[in-house]
Amino acid sequence: ETFKFGWFRSGDEGFYQTDEHGRNFFFITGRIKELINRGGVKFSPFDIEEVLLEVPGVKVGLAVAFPNDYYGEEVGAYVVLNEGAQATEAEILEHCRARMTFEKSPKVVVFGTEIPVTSTGKYQRLKLRERFADWEHTQFKKS
């Protein structure tokens, strides 16, 4: 529902921050429907994407929640590399595991050359879910 109890619900996720002059600012960090819900623990793809962008050669890295029989949703990474870059799935997964909890770390990396966007230029994460269909029945374990 867009309006609930007289309030406009945009579906955006964000936070307030007050500056040194007492002014409040609202920062939008993502969409509520893009939150990843792995086994009842909800978290933002934004945290994962920051880590993906630290990997040398990664031009764009998106965290994608995909359906999973064991946890409801699992975490995948859709990655576009810079031209000429050669980062591997193993390198990306190792980098993420060293910086995040197992639950937040992507379990699978899918490489692509472009990302679907809306008419306003926003990434369409939900359209990327189908690219992770092969892992829907996989139980990922800590190694």
C-alpha atoms as a PDB file:
ATOM      1  CA  GLU A   1       0.000   0.000   0.000  1.00  0.00           C
ATOM      2  CA  THR A   2       1.351   3.407  -0.923  1.00  0.00           C
ATOM      3  CA  PHE A   3      -0.672   5.220   1.747  1.00  0.00           C
ATOM      4  CA  LYS A   4      -1.189   3.728   5.199  1.00  0.00           C
ATOM      5  CA  PHE A   5      -2.831   5.586   8.086  1.00  0.00           C
ATOM      6  CA  GLY A   6      -2.370   8.830   6.171  1.00  0.00           C
ATOM      7  CA  TRP A   7       1.368   8.327   5.675  1.00  0.00           C
ATOM      8  CA  PHE A   8       3.042   7.979   2.289  1.00  0.00           C
ATOM      9  CA  ARG A   9       5.083   4.775   2.152  1.00  0.00           C
ATOM     10  CA  SER A  10       7.679   5.124  -0.596  1.00  0.00           C
ATOM     11  CA  GLY A  11       9.249   1.693  -0.126  1.00  0.00           C
ATOM     12  CA  ASP A  12      12.662   3.309   0.306  1.00  0.00           C
ATOM     13  CA  GLU A  13      15.127   2.375   3.022  1.00  0.00           C
ATOM     14  CA  GLY A  14      17.382   4.988   4.547  1.00  0.00           C
ATOM     15  CA  PHE A  15      18.528   6.839   7.622  1.00  0.00           C
ATOM     16  CA  TYR A  16      18.503  10.305   9.168  1.00  0.00           C
ATOM     17  CA  GLN A  17      21.649  12.137  10.096  1.00  0.00           C
ATOM     18  CA  THR A  18      21.951  15.482  11.873  1.00  0.00           C
ATOM     19  CA  ASP A  19      24.788  17.793  10.877  1.00  0.00           C
ATOM     20  CA  GLU A  20      26.735  20.143  13.163  1.00  0.00           C
ATOM     21  CA  HIS A  21      24.098  22.877  12.634  1.00  0.00           C
ATOM     22  CA  GLY A  22      21.236  20.686  13.833  1.00  0.00           C
ATOM     23  CA  ARG A  23      19.820  20.141  10.348  1.00  0.00           C
ATOM     24  CA  ASN A  24      18.372  16.711   9.613  1.00  0.00           C
ATOM     25  CA  PHE A  25      19.205  14.938   6.382  1.00  0.00           C
ATOM     26  CA  PHE A  26      17.629  11.771   5.050  1.00  0.00           C
ATOM     27  CA  PHE A  27      19.825   9.415   3.039  1.00  0.00           C
ATOM     28  CA  ILE A  28      18.201   6.772   0.855  1.00  0.00           C
ATOM     29  CA  THR A  29      20.233   3.565   0.780  1.00  0.00           C
ATOM     30  CA  GLY A  30      17.918   1.222  -1.098  1.00  0.00           C
ATOM     31  CA  ARG A  31      14.480  -0.278  -1.458  1.00  0.00           C
ATOM     32  CA  ILE A  32      12.752  -2.312   1.262  1.00  0.00           C
ATOM     33  CA  LYS A  33      11.684  -4.970  -1.244  1.00  0.00           C
ATOM     34  CA  GLU A  34      15.363  -5.453  -2.143  1.00  0.00           C
ATOM     35  CA  LEU A  35      16.316  -6.493   1.410  1.00  0.00           C
ATOM     36  CA  ILE A  36      17.776  -9.979   1.563  1.00  0.00           C
ATOM     37  CA  ASN A  37      16.028 -12.357   3.985  1.00  0.00           C
ATOM     38  CA  ARG A  38      18.329 -15.310   4.621  1.00  0.00           C
ATOM     39  CA  GLY A  39      16.842 -17.655   7.190  1.00  0.00           C
ATOM     40  CA  GLY A  40      14.898 -14.853   8.888  1.00  0.00           C
ATOM     41  CA  VAL A  41      17.864 -12.475   9.090  1.00  0.00           C
ATOM     42  CA  LYS A  42      17.256  -9.390   6.936  1.00  0.00           C
ATOM     43  CA  PHE A  43      20.043  -7.209   5.619  1.00  0.00           C
ATOM     44  CA  SER A  44      20.653  -4.658   2.911  1.00  0.00           C
ATOM     45  CA  PRO A  45      22.438  -5.551  -0.324  1.00  0.00           C
ATOM     46  CA  PHE A  46      24.247  -2.200  -0.015  1.00  0.00           C
ATOM     47  CA  ASP A  47      26.720  -3.562   2.584  1.00  0.00           C
ATOM     48  CA  ILE A  48      27.675  -6.441   0.308  1.00  0.00           C
ATOM     49  CA  GLU A  49      28.009  -4.213  -2.736  1.00  0.00           C
ATOM     50  CA  GLU A  50      30.516  -1.966  -0.973  1.00  0.00           C
ATOM     51  CA  VAL A  51      32.741  -5.005  -0.425  1.00  0.00           C
ATOM     52  CA  LEU A  52      32.288  -6.244  -4.009  1.00  0.00           C
ATOM     53  CA  LEU A  53      33.501  -2.887  -5.325  1.00  0.00           C
ATOM     54  CA  GLU A  54      36.755  -3.272  -3.355  1.00  0.00           C
ATOM     55  CA  VAL A  55      37.766  -6.224  -5.555  1.00  0.00           C
ATOM     56  CA  PRO A  56      40.298  -5.110  -8.189  1.00  0.00           C
ATOM     57  CA  GLY A  57      38.728  -5.146 -11.639  1.00  0.00           C
ATOM     58  CA  VAL A  58      35.095  -5.006 -10.525  1.00  0.00           C
ATOM     59  CA  LYS A  59      33.213  -2.230 -12.313  1.00  0.00           C
ATOM     60  CA  VAL A  60      29.761  -3.012 -10.867  1.00  0.00           C
ATOM     61  CA  GLY A  61      28.870  -5.552  -8.200  1.00  0.00           C
ATOM     62  CA  LEU A  62      25.276  -6.151  -7.167  1.00  0.00           C
ATOM     63  CA  ALA A  63      24.073  -8.365  -4.347  1.00  0.00           C
ATOM     64  CA  VAL A  64      21.087 -10.417  -5.475  1.00  0.00           C
ATOM     65  CA  ALA A  65      18.741 -12.415  -3.261  1.00  0.00           C
ATOM     66  CA  PHE A  66      17.722 -15.612  -4.993  1.00  0.00           C
ATOM     67  CA  PRO A  67      15.229 -18.273  -3.840  1.00  0.00           C
ATOM     68  CA  ASN A  68      16.758 -21.139  -1.880  1.00  0.00           C
ATOM     69  CA  ASP A  69      15.093 -24.254  -0.471  1.00  0.00           C
ATOM     70  CA  TYR A  70      17.124 -24.192   2.758  1.00  0.00           C
ATOM     71  CA  TYR A  71      17.147 -20.527   3.798  1.00  0.00           C
ATOM     72  CA  GLY A  72      14.291 -18.959   1.860  1.00  0.00           C
ATOM     73  CA  GLU A  73      16.751 -16.681   0.111  1.00  0.00           C
ATOM     74  CA  GLU A  74      20.468 -16.941  -0.477  1.00  0.00           C
ATOM     75  CA  VAL A  75      23.010 -14.308  -1.497  1.00  0.00           C
ATOM     76  CA  GLY A  76      24.494 -14.122  -4.972  1.00  0.00           C
ATOM     77  CA  ALA A  77      26.710 -11.533  -6.608  1.00  0.00           C
ATOM     78  CA  TYR A  78      26.196 -10.276 -10.134  1.00  0.00           C
ATOM     79  CA  VAL A  79      29.455  -8.751 -11.320  1.00  0.00           C
ATOM     80  CA  VAL A  80      30.474  -6.684 -14.331  1.00  0.00           C
ATOM     81  CA  LEU A  81      34.241  -6.419 -14.721  1.00  0.00           C
ATOM     82  CA  ASN A  82      36.215  -3.506 -16.116  1.00  0.00           C
ATOM     83  CA  GLU A  83      37.387  -4.049 -19.674  1.00  0.00           C
ATOM     84  CA  GLY A  84      40.451  -6.303 -19.636  1.00  0.00           C
ATOM     85  CA  ALA A  85      40.040  -7.267 -15.956  1.00  0.00           C
ATOM     86  CA  GLN A  86      40.184 -10.940 -14.999  1.00  0.00           C
ATOM     87  CA  ALA A  87      38.874 -11.384 -11.456  1.00  0.00           C
ATOM     88  CA  THR A  88      37.663 -14.940 -10.829  1.00  0.00           C
ATOM     89  CA  GLU A  89      34.690 -16.214  -8.856  1.00  0.00           C
ATOM     90  CA  ALA A  90      37.061 -17.753  -6.291  1.00  0.00           C
ATOM     91  CA  GLU A  91      38.898 -14.434  -5.783  1.00  0.00           C
ATOM     92  CA  ILE A  92      35.660 -12.514  -5.324  1.00  0.00           C
ATOM     93  CA  LEU A  93      34.192 -15.054  -2.888  1.00  0.00           C
ATOM     94  CA  GLU A  94      37.425 -15.171  -0.868  1.00  0.00           C
ATOM     95  CA  HIS A  95      37.538 -11.364  -0.660  1.00  0.00           C
ATOM     96  CA  CYS A  96      33.931 -11.233   0.584  1.00  0.00           C
ATOM     97  CA  ARG A  97      34.362 -14.042   3.136  1.00  0.00           C
ATOM     98  CA  ALA A  98      37.356 -12.230   4.632  1.00  0.00           C
ATOM     99  CA  ARG A  99      35.277  -9.075   5.209  1.00  0.00           C
ATOM    100  CA  MET A 100      31.740 -10.275   6.002  1.00  0.00           C
ATOM    101  CA  THR A 101      29.921 -12.911   7.984  1.00  0.00           C
ATOM    102  CA  PHE A 102      29.110 -16.178   6.237  1.00  0.00           C
ATOM    103  CA  GLU A 103      25.429 -15.260   6.152  1.00  0.00           C
ATOM    104  CA  LYS A 104      26.039 -12.021   4.239  1.00  0.00           C
ATOM    105  CA  SER A 105      28.774 -13.307   1.939  1.00  0.00           C
ATOM    106  CA  PRO A 106      27.734 -14.183  -1.606  1.00  0.00           C
ATOM    107  CA  LYS A 107      27.733 -17.934  -2.245  1.00  0.00           C
ATOM    108  CA  VAL A 108      27.744 -17.673  -6.051  1.00  0.00           C
ATOM    109  CA  VAL A 109      29.109 -15.128  -8.519  1.00  0.00           C
ATOM    110  CA  VAL A 110      27.523 -14.651 -11.936  1.00  0.00           C
ATOM    111  CA  PHE A 111      29.446 -12.549 -14.435  1.00  0.00           C
ATOM    112  CA  GLY A 112      27.720 -10.361 -16.999  1.00  0.00           C
ATOM    113  CA  THR A 113      28.412  -7.498 -19.352  1.00  0.00           C
ATOM    114  CA  GLU A 114      25.450  -5.285 -18.491  1.00  0.00           C
ATOM    115  CA  ILE A 115      22.781  -4.797 -15.852  1.00  0.00           C
ATOM    116  CA  PRO A 116      19.105  -4.223 -16.610  1.00  0.00           C
ATOM    117  CA  VAL A 117      18.001  -0.730 -15.598  1.00  0.00           C
ATOM    118  CA  THR A 118      14.701   1.125 -15.348  1.00  0.00           C
ATOM    119  CA  SER A 119      13.831   4.118 -17.499  1.00  0.00           C
ATOM    120  CA  THR A 120      15.245   6.296 -14.700  1.00  0.00           C
ATOM    121  CA  GLY A 121      18.551   4.383 -14.596  1.00  0.00           C
ATOM    122  CA  LYS A 122      17.994   2.344 -11.416  1.00  0.00           C
ATOM    123  CA  TYR A 123      19.366  -1.197 -11.312  1.00  0.00           C
ATOM    124  CA  GLN A 124      16.713  -3.925 -11.580  1.00  0.00           C
ATOM    125  CA  ARG A 125      18.022  -6.510  -9.097  1.00  0.00           C
ATOM    126  CA  LEU A 126      14.814  -8.532  -9.215  1.00  0.00           C
ATOM    127  CA  LYS A 127      15.342  -9.233 -12.927  1.00  0.00           C
ATOM    128  CA  LEU A 128      18.745 -10.724 -12.123  1.00  0.00           C
ATOM    129  CA  ARG A 129      17.277 -13.394  -9.798  1.00  0.00           C
ATOM    130  CA  GLU A 130      16.589 -15.761 -12.692  1.00  0.00           C
ATOM    131  CA  ARG A 131      20.317 -15.939 -13.458  1.00  0.00           C
ATOM    132  CA  PHE A 132      20.803 -17.731 -10.122  1.00  0.00           C
ATOM    133  CA  ALA A 133      18.103 -20.393 -10.691  1.00  0.00           C
ATOM    134  CA  ASP A 134      20.669 -23.221 -10.920  1.00  0.00           C
ATOM    135  CA  TRP A 135      21.493 -22.825  -7.207  1.00  0.00           C
ATOM    136  CA  GLU A 136      17.944 -22.786  -5.822  1.00  0.00           C
ATOM    137  CA  HIS A 137      18.261 -26.321  -4.408  1.00  0.00           C
ATOM    138  CA  THR A 138      21.839 -26.005  -3.119  1.00  0.00           C
ATOM    139  CA  GLN A 139      22.695 -25.982   0.568  1.00  0.00           C
ATOM    140  CA  PHE A 140      25.775 -23.824   1.104  1.00  0.00           C
ATOM    141  CA  LYS A 141      27.969 -24.613   4.107  1.00  0.00           C
ATOM    142  CA  LYS A 142      30.767 -22.765   5.842  1.00  0.00           C
ATOM    143  CA  SER A 143      34.120 -23.970   4.617  1.00  0.00           C
END
